[in-house]
Amino acid sequence: MTAEFNIHEAKTHLSRLLERVAAGEHIVISRAGTPVADLVPHQRRTVRLGGLRGRVRYDDADFEGVDQDIQAMFYGDDAAPR
């Protein structure tokens, strides 16, 4: 079920609207009759680490050593190892 509210109503009744959203309802917030935002229940996403393992190729040599310019950006010109 979808319900539509103008911005003033949404500001006034935000707590109630969030309760309805938590119960699974879809709320549309409109400005001058034009929908501008949707309030929908939050869906937790599972983060899967290593999803690109074996798909990305790179040369380890590209990451060896210290890049003086990068060191200077992080630590200042005087702190960069020479």
C-alpha atoms as a PDB file:
ATOM      1  CA  MET A   1       0.000   0.000   0.000  1.00  0.00           C
ATOM      2  CA  THR A   2       1.261   3.469  -0.873  1.00  0.00           C
ATOM      3  CA  ALA A   3       0.231   6.674   0.892  1.00  0.00           C
ATOM      4  CA  GLU A   4       1.105  10.208  -0.194  1.00  0.00           C
ATOM      5  CA  PHE A   5       1.787  13.187   2.076  1.00  0.00           C
ATOM      6  CA  ASN A   6       2.876  16.749   1.417  1.00  0.00           C
ATOM      7  CA  ILE A   7       6.052  18.058   3.020  1.00  0.00           C
ATOM      8  CA  HIS A   8       4.234  19.894   5.826  1.00  0.00           C
ATOM      9  CA  GLU A   9       2.291  16.760   6.788  1.00  0.00           C
ATOM     10  CA  ALA A  10       5.460  14.659   6.634  1.00  0.00           C
ATOM     11  CA  LYS A  11       7.341  17.061   8.922  1.00  0.00           C
ATOM     12  CA  THR A  12       4.463  17.214  11.372  1.00  0.00           C
ATOM     13  CA  HIS A  13       3.899  13.446  11.517  1.00  0.00           C
ATOM     14  CA  LEU A  14       7.358  12.043  10.768  1.00  0.00           C
ATOM     15  CA  SER A  15       7.402   9.649  13.734  1.00  0.00           C
ATOM     16  CA  ARG A  16       4.038   8.171  12.736  1.00  0.00           C
ATOM     17  CA  LEU A  17       5.108   7.873   9.121  1.00  0.00           C
ATOM     18  CA  LEU A  18       8.290   6.060  10.141  1.00  0.00           C
ATOM     19  CA  GLU A  19       6.218   3.606  12.188  1.00  0.00           C
ATOM     20  CA  ARG A  20       4.106   2.899   9.111  1.00  0.00           C
ATOM     21  CA  VAL A  21       7.213   2.445   6.982  1.00  0.00           C
ATOM     22  CA  ALA A  22       8.692   0.077   9.572  1.00  0.00           C
ATOM     23  CA  ALA A  23       5.482  -1.952   9.255  1.00  0.00           C
ATOM     24  CA  GLY A  24       6.154  -2.311   5.525  1.00  0.00           C
ATOM     25  CA  GLU A  25       4.228   0.590   4.035  1.00  0.00           C
ATOM     26  CA  HIS A  26       5.569   2.764   1.197  1.00  0.00           C
ATOM     27  CA  ILE A  27       5.142   6.523   1.788  1.00  0.00           C
ATOM     28  CA  VAL A  28       5.504   9.157  -0.946  1.00  0.00           C
ATOM     29  CA  ILE A  29       6.348  12.745   0.036  1.00  0.00           C
ATOM     30  CA  SER A  30       5.245  15.393  -2.446  1.00  0.00           C
ATOM     31  CA  ARG A  31       5.892  19.077  -3.009  1.00  0.00           C
ATOM     32  CA  ALA A  32       3.096  20.968  -4.761  1.00  0.00           C
ATOM     33  CA  GLY A  33       1.579  17.648  -5.837  1.00  0.00           C
ATOM     34  CA  THR A  34       4.813  16.358  -7.378  1.00  0.00           C
ATOM     35  CA  PRO A  35       6.426  13.329  -5.712  1.00  0.00           C
ATOM     36  CA  VAL A  36       9.945  14.183  -4.494  1.00  0.00           C
ATOM     37  CA  ALA A  37      10.843  11.360  -2.082  1.00  0.00           C
ATOM     38  CA  ASP A  38       9.915   7.831  -1.102  1.00  0.00           C
ATOM     39  CA  LEU A  39      10.029   6.452   2.420  1.00  0.00           C
ATOM     40  CA  VAL A  40      10.502   2.704   2.180  1.00  0.00           C
ATOM     41  CA  PRO A  41      11.533   0.060   4.709  1.00  0.00           C
ATOM     42  CA  HIS A  42      15.282  -0.273   5.131  1.00  0.00           C
ATOM     43  CA  GLN A  43      16.772  -3.432   3.641  1.00  0.00           C
ATOM     44  CA  ARG A  44      20.012  -4.552   5.252  1.00  0.00           C
ATOM     45  CA  ARG A  45      22.632  -5.532   2.710  1.00  0.00           C
ATOM     46  CA  THR A  46      25.185  -8.225   3.298  1.00  0.00           C
ATOM     47  CA  VAL A  47      28.711  -7.186   2.391  1.00  0.00           C
ATOM     48  CA  ARG A  48      30.586  -9.935   0.616  1.00  0.00           C
ATOM     49  CA  LEU A  49      34.327  -9.400   0.798  1.00  0.00           C
ATOM     50  CA  GLY A  50      36.504 -10.856  -1.925  1.00  0.00           C
ATOM     51  CA  GLY A  51      33.810 -10.742  -4.585  1.00  0.00           C
ATOM     52  CA  LEU A  52      36.346  -9.797  -7.268  1.00  0.00           C
ATOM     53  CA  ARG A  53      38.967 -12.349  -6.213  1.00  0.00           C
ATOM     54  CA  GLY A  54      40.406 -13.932  -9.322  1.00  0.00           C
ATOM     55  CA  ARG A  55      38.686 -11.480 -11.670  1.00  0.00           C
ATOM     56  CA  VAL A  56      41.066  -8.525 -11.359  1.00  0.00           C
ATOM     57  CA  ARG A  57      44.610  -8.866 -12.597  1.00  0.00           C
ATOM     58  CA  TYR A  58      47.474  -6.620 -11.537  1.00  0.00           C
ATOM     59  CA  ASP A  59      51.231  -6.726 -11.348  1.00  0.00           C
ATOM     60  CA  ASP A  60      52.650  -6.821  -7.803  1.00  0.00           C
ATOM     61  CA  ALA A  61      55.609  -4.755  -9.029  1.00  0.00           C
ATOM     62  CA  ASP A  62      53.260  -1.792  -9.505  1.00  0.00           C
ATOM     63  CA  PHE A  63      52.759  -1.654  -5.736  1.00  0.00           C
ATOM     64  CA  GLU A  64      56.346  -2.073  -4.569  1.00  0.00           C
ATOM     65  CA  GLY A  65      58.389   0.744  -3.084  1.00  0.00           C
ATOM     66  CA  VAL A  66      57.415   4.140  -1.793  1.00  0.00           C
ATOM     67  CA  ASP A  67      56.069   6.829  -4.083  1.00  0.00           C
ATOM     68  CA  GLN A  68      57.650  10.093  -2.923  1.00  0.00           C
ATOM     69  CA  ASP A  69      54.786  12.242  -4.231  1.00  0.00           C
ATOM     70  CA  ILE A  70      52.175  10.205  -2.343  1.00  0.00           C
ATOM     71  CA  GLN A  71      54.280  10.301   0.830  1.00  0.00           C
ATOM     72  CA  ALA A  72      54.551  14.090   0.517  1.00  0.00           C
ATOM     73  CA  MET A  73      50.762  14.416   0.132  1.00  0.00           C
ATOM     74  CA  PHE A  74      50.120  12.414   3.294  1.00  0.00           C
ATOM     75  CA  TYR A  75      52.969  13.514   5.515  1.00  0.00           C
ATOM     76  CA  GLY A  76      54.196  16.801   4.060  1.00  0.00           C
ATOM     77  CA  ASP A  77      57.322  17.448   2.028  1.00  0.00           C
ATOM     78  CA  ASP A  78      59.658  17.256   5.029  1.00  0.00           C
ATOM     79  CA  ALA A  79      58.334  13.898   6.287  1.00  0.00           C
ATOM     80  CA  ALA A  80      58.703  12.000   3.024  1.00  0.00           C
ATOM     81  CA  PRO A  81      61.509   9.432   3.208  1.00  0.00           C
ATOM     82  CA  ARG A  82      64.429  10.177   0.941  1.00  0.00           C
END
